[in-house]
C-alpha atoms as a PDB file:
ATOM      1  CA  MET A   1     130.580  85.011 114.732  1.00  0.00           C
ATOM      2  CA  GLU A   2     130.729  85.529 110.961  1.00  0.00           C
ATOM      3  CA  GLU A   3     128.845  88.635 109.871  1.00  0.00           C
ATOM      4  CA  ILE A   4     128.831  88.363 106.078  1.00  0.00           C
ATOM      5  CA  ASN A   5     125.819  87.119 104.095  1.00  0.00           C
ATOM      6  CA  LYS A   6     123.342  88.020 106.802  1.00  0.00           C
ATOM      7  CA  GLN A   7     120.188  89.105 104.996  1.00  0.00           C
ATOM      8  CA  LYS A   8     117.349  88.663 107.469  1.00  0.00           C
ATOM      9  CA  PHE A   9     116.528  89.733 110.991  1.00  0.00           C
ATOM     10  CA  SER A  10     116.384  86.064 112.046  1.00  0.00           C
ATOM     11  CA  ASP A  11     120.038  85.644 111.031  1.00  0.00           C
ATOM     12  CA  TYR A  12     120.899  87.672 114.143  1.00  0.00           C
ATOM     13  CA  LEU A  13     118.581  85.746 116.448  1.00  0.00           C
ATOM     14  CA  SER A  14     119.329  82.419 118.139  1.00  0.00           C
ATOM     15  CA  ILE A  15     116.567  80.079 119.323  1.00  0.00           C
ATOM     16  CA  ASN A  16     118.279  80.157 122.722  1.00  0.00           C
ATOM     17  CA  ASN A  17     117.610  83.903 122.925  1.00  0.00           C
ATOM     18  CA  ILE A  18     113.852  83.611 122.385  1.00  0.00           C
ATOM     19  CA  LEU A  19     111.820  83.713 125.602  1.00  0.00           C
ATOM     20  CA  CYS A  20     108.171  82.768 125.145  1.00  0.00           C
ATOM     21  CA  ASN A  21     105.250  83.592 127.424  1.00  0.00           C
ATOM     22  CA  VAL A  22     107.434  85.463 129.909  1.00  0.00           C
ATOM     23  CA  ASP A  23     105.884  85.991 133.328  1.00  0.00           C
ATOM     24  CA  ALA A  24     107.063  89.471 134.276  1.00  0.00           C
ATOM     25  CA  ALA A  25     105.521  92.348 136.162  1.00  0.00           C
ATOM     26  CA  ASP A  26     107.019  95.152 134.115  1.00  0.00           C
ATOM     27  CA  ALA A  27     109.433  96.174 131.378  1.00  0.00           C
ATOM     28  CA  GLU A  28     112.421  96.243 133.728  1.00  0.00           C
ATOM     29  CA  ALA A  29     111.876  92.589 134.636  1.00  0.00           C
ATOM     30  CA  VAL A  30     111.660  91.658 130.950  1.00  0.00           C
ATOM     31  CA  LEU A  31     114.861  93.580 130.192  1.00  0.00           C
ATOM     32  CA  CYS A  32     116.705  91.737 132.964  1.00  0.00           C
ATOM     33  CA  LYS A  33     115.577  88.348 131.627  1.00  0.00           C
ATOM     34  CA  LEU A  34     116.683  89.253 128.099  1.00  0.00           C
ATOM     35  CA  LEU A  35     120.094  90.457 129.288  1.00  0.00           C
ATOM     36  CA  GLU A  36     120.557  87.242 131.272  1.00  0.00           C
ATOM     37  CA  ALA A  37     119.668  85.178 128.180  1.00  0.00           C
ATOM     38  CA  LEU A  38     122.272  86.999 126.093  1.00  0.00           C
ATOM     39  CA  ASN A  39     124.860  86.629 128.850  1.00  0.00           C
ATOM     40  CA  ARG A  40     124.295  82.874 129.087  1.00  0.00           C
ATOM     41  CA  HIS A  41     125.200  82.437 125.442  1.00  0.00           C
ATOM     42  CA  TYR A  42     127.752  85.234 125.241  1.00  0.00           C
ATOM     43  CA  PRO A  43     129.490  85.320 128.672  1.00  0.00           C
ATOM     44  CA  LYS A  44     131.756  88.216 127.622  1.00  0.00           C
ATOM     45  CA  LEU A  45     128.788  90.565 127.657  1.00  0.00           C
ATOM     46  CA  ASP A  46     128.905  93.004 130.577  1.00  0.00           C
ATOM     47  CA  ILE A  47     125.194  92.936 131.374  1.00  0.00           C
ATOM     48  CA  LYS A  48     125.442  95.723 133.947  1.00  0.00           C
ATOM     49  CA  ASN A  49     127.007  98.101 131.434  1.00  0.00           C
ATOM     50  CA  ALA A  50     124.634  96.967 128.680  1.00  0.00           C
ATOM     51  CA  GLY A  51     121.622  97.425 130.944  1.00  0.00           C
ATOM     52  CA  ASP A  52     122.779 100.889 131.951  1.00  0.00           C
ATOM     53  CA  GLU A  53     123.204 101.883 128.295  1.00  0.00           C
ATOM     54  CA  VAL A  54     119.736 100.598 127.399  1.00  0.00           C
ATOM     55  CA  ARG A  55     118.113 102.429 130.319  1.00  0.00           C
ATOM     56  CA  ALA A  56     119.979 105.641 129.486  1.00  0.00           C
ATOM     57  CA  ARG A  57     118.711 105.517 125.939  1.00  0.00           C
ATOM     58  CA  GLU A  58     115.189 104.711 127.120  1.00  0.00           C
ATOM     59  CA  SER A  59     115.224 107.794 129.343  1.00  0.00           C
ATOM     60  CA  MET A  60     115.555 109.913 126.188  1.00  0.00           C
ATOM     61  CA  PHE A  61     113.451 107.971 123.670  1.00  0.00           C
ATOM     62  CA  SER A  62     110.445 105.701 123.999  1.00  0.00           C
ATOM     63  CA  THR A  63     111.157 102.051 123.225  1.00  0.00           C
ATOM     64  CA  VAL A  64     107.631 101.478 121.888  1.00  0.00           C
ATOM     65  CA  VAL A  65     108.046 101.623 118.108  1.00  0.00           C
ATOM     66  CA  ALA A  66     104.700 100.124 117.053  1.00  0.00           C
ATOM     67  CA  PRO A  67     101.497  99.028 118.815  1.00  0.00           C
ATOM     68  CA  GLY A  68     102.405  96.110 121.079  1.00  0.00           C
ATOM     69  CA  LEU A  69     106.115  96.214 120.222  1.00  0.00           C
ATOM     70  CA  ALA A  70     108.967  97.588 122.342  1.00  0.00           C
ATOM     71  CA  VAL A  71     112.549  97.633 121.102  1.00  0.00           C
ATOM     72  CA  PRO A  72     114.961  98.583 123.889  1.00  0.00           C
ATOM     73  CA  HIS A  73     118.355  98.940 122.297  1.00  0.00           C
ATOM     74  CA  ALA A  74     121.791 100.442 122.756  1.00  0.00           C
ATOM     75  CA  ARG A  75     125.120 100.818 121.036  1.00  0.00           C
ATOM     76  CA  ILE A  76     127.868  99.186 123.037  1.00  0.00           C
ATOM     77  CA  ALA A  77     131.529 100.169 122.743  1.00  0.00           C
ATOM     78  CA  GLY A  78     133.749  97.189 121.993  1.00  0.00           C
ATOM     79  CA  LEU A  79     130.902  94.812 121.136  1.00  0.00           C
ATOM     80  CA  PRO A  80     132.213  92.690 118.229  1.00  0.00           C
ATOM     81  CA  PHE A  81     128.823  91.872 116.665  1.00  0.00           C
ATOM     82  CA  PRO A  82     125.099  92.477 117.223  1.00  0.00           C
ATOM     83  CA  LEU A  83     123.246  90.620 119.967  1.00  0.00           C
ATOM     84  CA  VAL A  84     119.474  90.200 119.764  1.00  0.00           C
ATOM     85  CA  ALA A  85     116.971  88.588 122.148  1.00  0.00           C
ATOM     86  CA  VAL A  86     113.171  88.445 122.060  1.00  0.00           C
ATOM     87  CA  ALA A  87     110.583  88.028 124.815  1.00  0.00           C
ATOM     88  CA  SER A  88     106.846  87.553 124.343  1.00  0.00           C
ATOM     89  CA  THR A  89     104.427  88.687 127.042  1.00  0.00           C
ATOM     90  CA  PRO A  90     100.984  87.759 125.667  1.00  0.00           C
ATOM     91  CA  ASN A  91      99.231  89.066 128.778  1.00  0.00           C
ATOM     92  CA  GLY A  92     100.886  92.423 128.203  1.00  0.00           C
ATOM     93  CA  ILE A  93     103.165  94.717 130.165  1.00  0.00           C
ATOM     94  CA  THR A  94     102.941  98.491 130.293  1.00  0.00           C
ATOM     95  CA  VAL A  95     105.715 100.485 128.636  1.00  0.00           C
ATOM     96  CA  ASN A  96     105.438 104.273 128.484  1.00  0.00           C
ATOM     97  CA  GLY A  97     101.696 103.966 128.949  1.00  0.00           C
ATOM     98  CA  SER A  98     101.266 101.420 126.131  1.00  0.00           C
ATOM     99  CA  LYS A  99     100.495  97.713 126.292  1.00  0.00           C
ATOM    100  CA  VAL A 100     103.412  95.658 124.953  1.00  0.00           C
ATOM    101  CA  ILE A 101     103.222  91.965 124.036  1.00  0.00           C
ATOM    102  CA  MET A 102     106.638  91.661 122.364  1.00  0.00           C
ATOM    103  CA  THR A 103     110.003  93.038 123.460  1.00  0.00           C
ATOM    104  CA  VAL A 104     113.067  92.882 121.239  1.00  0.00           C
ATOM    105  CA  LEU A 105     116.382  93.717 122.897  1.00  0.00           C
ATOM    106  CA  MET A 106     119.042  94.774 120.420  1.00  0.00           C
ATOM    107  CA  LEU A 107     122.678  95.547 121.227  1.00  0.00           C
ATOM    108  CA  THR A 108     124.950  96.647 118.395  1.00  0.00           C
ATOM    109  CA  PRO A 109     128.573  97.789 118.064  1.00  0.00           C
ATOM    110  CA  GLN A 110     128.841 101.496 118.821  1.00  0.00           C
ATOM    111  CA  ASP A 111     130.794 102.273 115.651  1.00  0.00           C
ATOM    112  CA  GLU A 112     128.462 100.578 113.154  1.00  0.00           C
ATOM    113  CA  PRO A 113     125.496 102.937 112.667  1.00  0.00           C
ATOM    114  CA  ASN A 114     124.540 101.432 109.307  1.00  0.00           C
ATOM    115  CA  LEU A 115     124.229  97.915 110.710  1.00  0.00           C
ATOM    116  CA  HIS A 116     122.318  99.255 113.713  1.00  0.00           C
ATOM    117  CA  LEU A 117     119.770 100.965 111.457  1.00  0.00           C
ATOM    118  CA  GLN A 118     119.612  98.020 109.043  1.00  0.00           C
ATOM    119  CA  ILE A 119     118.589  95.625 111.796  1.00  0.00           C
ATOM    120  CA  LEU A 120     116.064  98.116 113.199  1.00  0.00           C
ATOM    121  CA  ALA A 121     114.528  98.494 109.744  1.00  0.00           C
ATOM    122  CA  ALA A 122     114.388  94.713 109.261  1.00  0.00           C
ATOM    123  CA  LEU A 123     112.789  93.924 112.619  1.00  0.00           C
ATOM    124  CA  SER A 124     110.282  96.722 112.098  1.00  0.00           C
ATOM    125  CA  SER A 125     109.183  95.173 108.809  1.00  0.00           C
ATOM    126  CA  VAL A 126     108.775  91.774 110.461  1.00  0.00           C
ATOM    127  CA  PHE A 127     106.950  92.853 113.629  1.00  0.00           C
ATOM    128  CA  ALA A 128     104.993  95.892 112.432  1.00  0.00           C
ATOM    129  CA  ASP A 129     101.960  93.852 111.354  1.00  0.00           C
ATOM    130  CA  GLY A 130      99.638  93.757 114.373  1.00  0.00           C
ATOM    131  CA  LYS A 131      98.054  90.382 113.591  1.00  0.00           C
ATOM    132  CA  ARG A 132     101.423  88.756 112.973  1.00  0.00           C
ATOM    133  CA  LEU A 133     102.751  90.231 116.211  1.00  0.00           C
ATOM    134  CA  GLU A 134      99.840  88.798 118.177  1.00  0.00           C
ATOM    135  CA  THR A 135     100.259  85.392 116.532  1.00  0.00           C
ATOM    136  CA  LEU A 136     103.961  85.293 117.391  1.00  0.00           C
ATOM    137  CA  ALA A 137     103.311  86.459 120.960  1.00  0.00           C
ATOM    138  CA  ASN A 138     100.993  83.499 121.560  1.00  0.00           C
ATOM    139  CA  ILE A 139     103.433  80.810 120.388  1.00  0.00           C
ATOM    140  CA  ALA A 140     104.392  78.698 123.388  1.00  0.00           C
ATOM    141  CA  ASP A 141     107.941  77.538 122.529  1.00  0.00           C
ATOM    142  CA  SER A 142     111.039  79.149 121.075  1.00  0.00           C
ATOM    143  CA  SER A 143     111.455  76.627 118.268  1.00  0.00           C
ATOM    144  CA  GLY A 144     107.933  77.237 116.997  1.00  0.00           C
ATOM    145  CA  PHE A 145     108.448  80.996 117.369  1.00  0.00           C
ATOM    146  CA  PHE A 146     111.655  80.914 115.330  1.00  0.00           C
ATOM    147  CA  THR A 147     110.031  78.852 112.562  1.00  0.00           C
ATOM    148  CA  ALA A 148     107.051  81.212 112.360  1.00  0.00           C
ATOM    149  CA  LEU A 149     109.380  84.215 112.347  1.00  0.00           C
ATOM    150  CA  CYS A 150     111.413  82.806 109.454  1.00  0.00           C
ATOM    151  CA  ASN A 151     108.228  82.055 107.503  1.00  0.00           C
ATOM    152  CA  ALA A 152     107.077  85.653 108.007  1.00  0.00           C
ATOM    153  CA  GLU A 153     110.259  87.156 106.625  1.00  0.00           C
ATOM    154  CA  GLY A 154     110.822  88.083 103.002  1.00  0.00           C
ATOM    155  CA  GLU A 155     113.677  86.944 100.830  1.00  0.00           C
ATOM    156  CA  ASP A 156     115.840  89.881 101.813  1.00  0.00           C
ATOM    157  CA  ASP A 157     114.423  91.780 104.788  1.00  0.00           C
ATOM    158  CA  LEU A 158     117.755  93.272 105.807  1.00  0.00           C
ATOM    159  CA  PRO A 159     118.375  96.108 103.328  1.00  0.00           C
ATOM    160  CA  VAL A 160     121.744  96.054 101.576  1.00  0.00           C
ATOM    161  CA  TYR A 161     121.815  99.780 102.251  1.00  0.00           C
ATOM    162  CA  LEU A 162     119.385 102.116 103.938  1.00  0.00           C
ATOM    163  CA  HIS A 163     116.881 104.042 101.863  1.00  0.00           C
ATOM    164  CA  ALA A 164     115.222 107.348 102.685  1.00  0.00           C
ATOM    165  CA  ALA A 165     112.094 105.357 103.559  1.00  0.00           C
ATOM    166  CA  ASP A 166     114.026 103.516 106.277  1.00  0.00           C
ATOM    167  CA  VAL A 167     114.809 106.717 108.198  1.00  0.00           C
ATOM    168  CA  MET A 168     111.670 108.751 107.528  1.00  0.00           C
ATOM    169  CA  SER A 169     108.813 109.265 109.948  1.00  0.00           C
ATOM    170  CA  GLU A 170     105.216 110.376 109.686  1.00  0.00           C
ATOM    171  CA  ALA A 171     104.571 114.091 109.882  1.00  0.00           C
ATOM    172  CA  PRO A 172     102.512 114.953 112.983  1.00  0.00           C
ATOM    173  CA  ALA A 173      99.857 116.245 110.582  1.00  0.00           C
ATOM    174  CA  VAL A 174      99.343 117.204 106.956  1.00  0.00           C
ATOM    175  CA  LEU A 175      97.441 120.089 105.415  1.00  0.00           C
ATOM    176  CA  LEU A 176      95.316 120.205 102.277  1.00  0.00           C
ATOM    177  CA  GLU A 177      95.522 122.976  99.717  1.00  0.00           C
ATOM    178  CA  THR A 178      91.874 123.740 100.409  1.00  0.00           C
ATOM    179  CA  ASP A 179      92.278 124.070 104.175  1.00  0.00           C
ATOM    180  CA  THR A 180      91.856 127.542 105.605  1.00  0.00           C
ATOM    181  CA  LEU A 181      94.669 129.447 107.237  1.00  0.00           C
ATOM    182  CA  GLY A 182      92.640 129.285 110.435  1.00  0.00           C
ATOM    183  CA  HIS A 183      92.769 125.498 110.282  1.00  0.00           C
ATOM    184  CA  ALA A 184      96.517 125.618 109.571  1.00  0.00           C
ATOM    185  CA  ILE A 185      97.127 127.890 112.558  1.00  0.00           C
ATOM    186  CA  ARG A 186      95.217 125.518 114.850  1.00  0.00           C
ATOM    187  CA  THR A 187      97.173 122.566 113.448  1.00  0.00           C
ATOM    188  CA  PHE A 188     100.505 124.263 114.121  1.00  0.00           C
ATOM    189  CA  ALA A 189      99.365 125.031 117.651  1.00  0.00           C
ATOM    190  CA  THR A 190      98.255 121.488 118.494  1.00  0.00           C
ATOM    191  CA  THR A 191     101.159 119.636 116.829  1.00  0.00           C
ATOM    192  CA  LYS A 192     103.868 122.137 117.832  1.00  0.00           C
ATOM    193  CA  SER A 193     105.295 121.745 114.312  1.00  0.00           C
ATOM    194  CA  GLU A 194     107.331 124.359 112.478  1.00  0.00           C
ATOM    195  CA  GLU A 195     106.637 123.081 108.965  1.00  0.00           C
ATOM    196  CA  LEU A 196     103.901 120.862 107.503  1.00  0.00           C
ATOM    197  CA  PRO A 197     103.433 119.177 104.106  1.00  0.00           C
ATOM    198  CA  VAL A 198     100.527 120.333 101.931  1.00  0.00           C
ATOM    199  CA  LEU A 199      98.715 117.740  99.802  1.00  0.00           C
ATOM    200  CA  ASP A 200      96.002 117.826  97.189  1.00  0.00           C
ATOM    201  CA  ASN A 201      92.912 115.629  97.434  1.00  0.00           C
ATOM    202  CA  SER A 202      94.668 112.723  95.681  1.00  0.00           C
ATOM    203  CA  GLY A 203      97.614 112.681  98.117  1.00  0.00           C
ATOM    204  CA  ASP A 204     100.139 114.337  95.816  1.00  0.00           C
ATOM    205  CA  LEU A 205     102.605 116.609  97.598  1.00  0.00           C
ATOM    206  CA  ARG A 206     101.882 120.159  96.419  1.00  0.00           C
ATOM    207  CA  GLY A 207     103.811 122.352  98.807  1.00  0.00           C
ATOM    208  CA  VAL A 208     104.897 123.078 102.352  1.00  0.00           C
ATOM    209  CA  LEU A 209     103.695 125.596 104.881  1.00  0.00           C
ATOM    210  CA  ALA A 210     105.983 126.821 107.642  1.00  0.00           C
ATOM    211  CA  LEU A 211     105.470 129.218 110.516  1.00  0.00           C
ATOM    212  CA  THR A 212     107.827 131.613 108.756  1.00  0.00           C
ATOM    213  CA  ASP A 213     105.457 131.556 105.760  1.00  0.00           C
ATOM    214  CA  LEU A 214     102.636 132.749 108.012  1.00  0.00           C
ATOM    215  CA  LEU A 215     104.826 135.580 109.287  1.00  0.00           C
ATOM    216  CA  ARG A 216     105.881 136.510 105.758  1.00  0.00           C
ATOM    217  CA  TYR A 217     102.281 136.491 104.547  1.00  0.00           C
ATOM    218  CA  SER A 218     101.250 138.777 107.402  1.00  0.00           C
ATOM    219  CA  LEU A 219     103.993 141.354 106.885  1.00  0.00           C
ATOM    220  CA  PRO A 220     103.792 143.205 103.530  1.00  0.00           C
ATOM    221  CA  LYS A 221     107.095 143.330 101.671  1.00  0.00           C
ATOM    222  CA  HIS A 222     107.518 147.049 102.114  1.00  0.00           C
ATOM    223  CA  LEU A 223     107.489 146.534 105.891  1.00  0.00           C
ATOM    224  CA  LEU A 224     110.343 144.050 105.606  1.00  0.00           C
ATOM    225  CA  TRP A 225     112.444 146.790 104.041  1.00  0.00           C
ATOM    226  CA  MET A 226     111.887 149.081 107.002  1.00  0.00           C
ATOM    227  CA  GLU A 227     114.634 149.053 109.593  1.00  0.00           C
ATOM    228  CA  ASN A 228     112.412 150.351 112.381  1.00  0.00           C
ATOM    229  CA  LEU A 229     108.953 148.838 112.799  1.00  0.00           C
ATOM    230  CA  THR A 230     108.091 150.908 115.881  1.00  0.00           C
ATOM    231  CA  PRO A 231     105.149 152.586 114.099  1.00  0.00           C
ATOM    232  CA  ILE A 232     103.370 149.216 113.902  1.00  0.00           C
ATOM    233  CA  TYR A 233     104.333 147.967 117.330  1.00  0.00           C
ATOM    234  CA  GLN A 234     100.762 146.778 117.987  1.00  0.00           C
ATOM    235  CA  PHE A 235     101.079 143.951 115.428  1.00  0.00           C
ATOM    236  CA  GLN A 236      98.381 145.407 113.165  1.00  0.00           C
ATOM    237  CA  PRO A 237      99.384 143.323 110.103  1.00  0.00           C
ATOM    238  CA  PHE A 238      98.928 140.109 112.062  1.00  0.00           C
ATOM    239  CA  ALA A 239      95.539 141.254 113.304  1.00  0.00           C
ATOM    240  CA  GLU A 240      94.468 141.865 109.718  1.00  0.00           C
ATOM    241  CA  MET A 241      95.577 138.397 108.652  1.00  0.00           C
ATOM    242  CA  LEU A 242      93.684 136.762 111.511  1.00  0.00           C
ATOM    243  CA  LYS A 243      90.484 138.573 110.511  1.00  0.00           C
ATOM    244  CA  THR A 244      90.486 136.736 107.174  1.00  0.00           C
ATOM    245  CA  ALA A 245      92.101 133.487 108.356  1.00  0.00           C
ATOM    246  CA  GLU A 246      88.895 131.485 107.836  1.00  0.00           C
ATOM    247  CA  GLU A 247      88.511 132.812 104.300  1.00  0.00           C
ATOM    248  CA  ASN A 248      92.020 132.509 102.888  1.00  0.00           C
ATOM    249  CA  LYS A 249      93.355 129.122 101.860  1.00  0.00           C
ATOM    250  CA  VAL A 250      96.602 127.302 102.570  1.00  0.00           C
ATOM    251  CA  ALA A 251      97.249 127.264  98.796  1.00  0.00           C
ATOM    252  CA  ASP A 252      97.544 131.067  98.887  1.00  0.00           C
ATOM    253  CA  VAL A 253     100.421 130.973 101.367  1.00  0.00           C
ATOM    254  CA  MET A 254     102.254 127.681 100.911  1.00  0.00           C
ATOM    255  CA  ARG A 255     105.652 127.447  99.250  1.00  0.00           C
ATOM    256  CA  GLU A 256     106.178 125.310  96.176  1.00  0.00           C
ATOM    257  CA  ASP A 257     109.973 125.601  96.268  1.00  0.00           C
ATOM    258  CA  PHE A 258     110.842 122.692  98.527  1.00  0.00           C
ATOM    259  CA  ILE A 259     113.083 119.667  98.269  1.00  0.00           C
ATOM    260  CA  THR A 260     111.593 116.224  97.721  1.00  0.00           C
ATOM    261  CA  VAL A 261     113.435 112.929  97.901  1.00  0.00           C
ATOM    262  CA  GLU A 262     112.140 109.649  96.517  1.00  0.00           C
ATOM    263  CA  ALA A 263     111.695 106.919  99.121  1.00  0.00           C
ATOM    264  CA  ASP A 264     114.205 104.567  97.448  1.00  0.00           C
ATOM    265  CA  VAL A 265     117.097 107.068  97.420  1.00  0.00           C
ATOM    266  CA  PRO A 266     120.066 105.941  99.562  1.00  0.00           C
ATOM    267  CA  ALA A 267     119.720 107.477 103.018  1.00  0.00           C
ATOM    268  CA  VAL A 268     123.303 108.746 102.950  1.00  0.00           C
ATOM    269  CA  GLN A 269     122.204 111.168 100.211  1.00  0.00           C
ATOM    270  CA  LEU A 270     120.051 112.945 102.804  1.00  0.00           C
ATOM    271  CA  ALA A 271     123.131 114.001 104.754  1.00  0.00           C
ATOM    272  CA  LYS A 272     124.450 115.800 101.669  1.00  0.00           C
ATOM    273  CA  LEU A 273     121.111 117.556 101.109  1.00  0.00           C
ATOM    274  CA  PHE A 274     120.940 118.743 104.715  1.00  0.00           C
ATOM    275  CA  LEU A 275     124.421 120.256 104.402  1.00  0.00           C
ATOM    276  CA  VAL A 276     124.317 121.660 100.873  1.00  0.00           C
ATOM    277  CA  ASP A 277     120.755 122.981 100.873  1.00  0.00           C
ATOM    278  CA  LYS A 278     120.776 124.042 104.535  1.00  0.00           C
ATOM    279  CA  VAL A 279     117.295 122.716 105.271  1.00  0.00           C
ATOM    280  CA  SER A 280     115.997 121.235 108.508  1.00  0.00           C
ATOM    281  CA  GLN A 281     113.414 118.921 106.966  1.00  0.00           C
ATOM    282  CA  LEU A 282     113.101 116.862 103.782  1.00  0.00           C
ATOM    283  CA  MET A 283     109.863 115.635 102.222  1.00  0.00           C
ATOM    284  CA  ILE A 284     109.889 111.998 101.134  1.00  0.00           C
ATOM    285  CA  THR A 285     107.702 110.925  98.213  1.00  0.00           C
ATOM    286  CA  ASN A 286     106.831 107.680  96.487  1.00  0.00           C
ATOM    287  CA  ASN A 287     106.003 108.302  92.824  1.00  0.00           C
ATOM    288  CA  GLY A 288     104.861 111.804  93.660  1.00  0.00           C
ATOM    289  CA  LYS A 289     102.706 110.757  96.592  1.00  0.00           C
ATOM    290  CA  TYR A 290     103.620 112.021 100.039  1.00  0.00           C
ATOM    291  CA  ALA A 291     105.290 109.259 102.073  1.00  0.00           C
ATOM    292  CA  GLY A 292     106.845 110.937 105.127  1.00  0.00           C
ATOM    293  CA  ILE A 293     109.461 113.374 106.368  1.00  0.00           C
ATOM    294  CA  VAL A 294     113.042 113.253 107.565  1.00  0.00           C
ATOM    295  CA  GLU A 295     113.972 115.953 110.052  1.00  0.00           C
ATOM    296  CA  LEU A 296     117.600 116.916 110.550  1.00  0.00           C
ATOM    297  CA  LYS A 297     117.386 116.407 114.311  1.00  0.00           C
ATOM    298  CA  SER A 298     115.853 112.915 114.027  1.00  0.00           C
ATOM    299  CA  PHE A 299     118.264 111.943 111.228  1.00  0.00           C
ATOM    300  CA  CYS A 300     121.247 112.861 113.413  1.00  0.00           C
ATOM    301  CA  ALA A 301     119.687 111.115 116.414  1.00  0.00           C
ATOM    302  CA  ARG A 302     119.372 107.867 114.473  1.00  0.00           C
ATOM    303  CA  LEU A 303     122.917 108.120 113.191  1.00  0.00           C
ATOM    304  CA  PHE A 304     124.714 109.129 116.352  1.00  0.00           C
ATOM    305  CA  TRP A 305     122.855 108.263 119.527  1.00  0.00           C
ATOM    306  CA  GLU A 306     119.300 106.874 119.276  1.00  0.00           C
END
């Protein structure tokens, strides 16, 4: 199979690998049908090994990437080119507690992380729209499905190279400059985050607030110079901060010295920033507006094993 000049998600999908209105009890049954479809048209595929790899990955990460859409996938050693199959289940199956009406199985060569992420980004752009997803799920035949899919795609859905926007994710929460420290503390507790973006009322990124910033704000500088903090072993400084937590604002504590990356910057540039600047999280912006975050752990997961 020739791999050059492939620009769209549909370029990797054959009509023969589209299963419409699949009658299946659960996600495992759908996965088996998709593997069998790929094996029929590519007999060299070891479906047992491929299935095991997909299930192993699914045990670590949810395959539900958008409402109604599951994308079980794996990187297969020795696979010469990507294999993609799609199954619609308009009546819905349950995957990780969510109703799924479309399942896209994607197998890619183990040593081609860029291609793996390119195809993921392209299929996400095609299937992310809920109305479009429902329309496609209710098409009765593979030929009609393929035609509708091609009509839904843009001129160049498969990015030539990955941008920061392609690997970013939503922060679990954001804070406003005008929020109180009490609100920030509750947000950290409920989201289990270590660092959160701080926006103004127009959505511009103004700063970041981390748990370490709360600690630093609570401990006066002169205490940080002390080698032995035994005299304040009862955490008095933290008690004082909590007394005024509903009065003081996030803007009083947040840091303004943080690294931002524009959404259209090549994603490979993020690797350099993580190494050179020794940060664990990068803020992604689009013309100054907050767009998302890229965490070191999720960036590495997408590159190496997700």
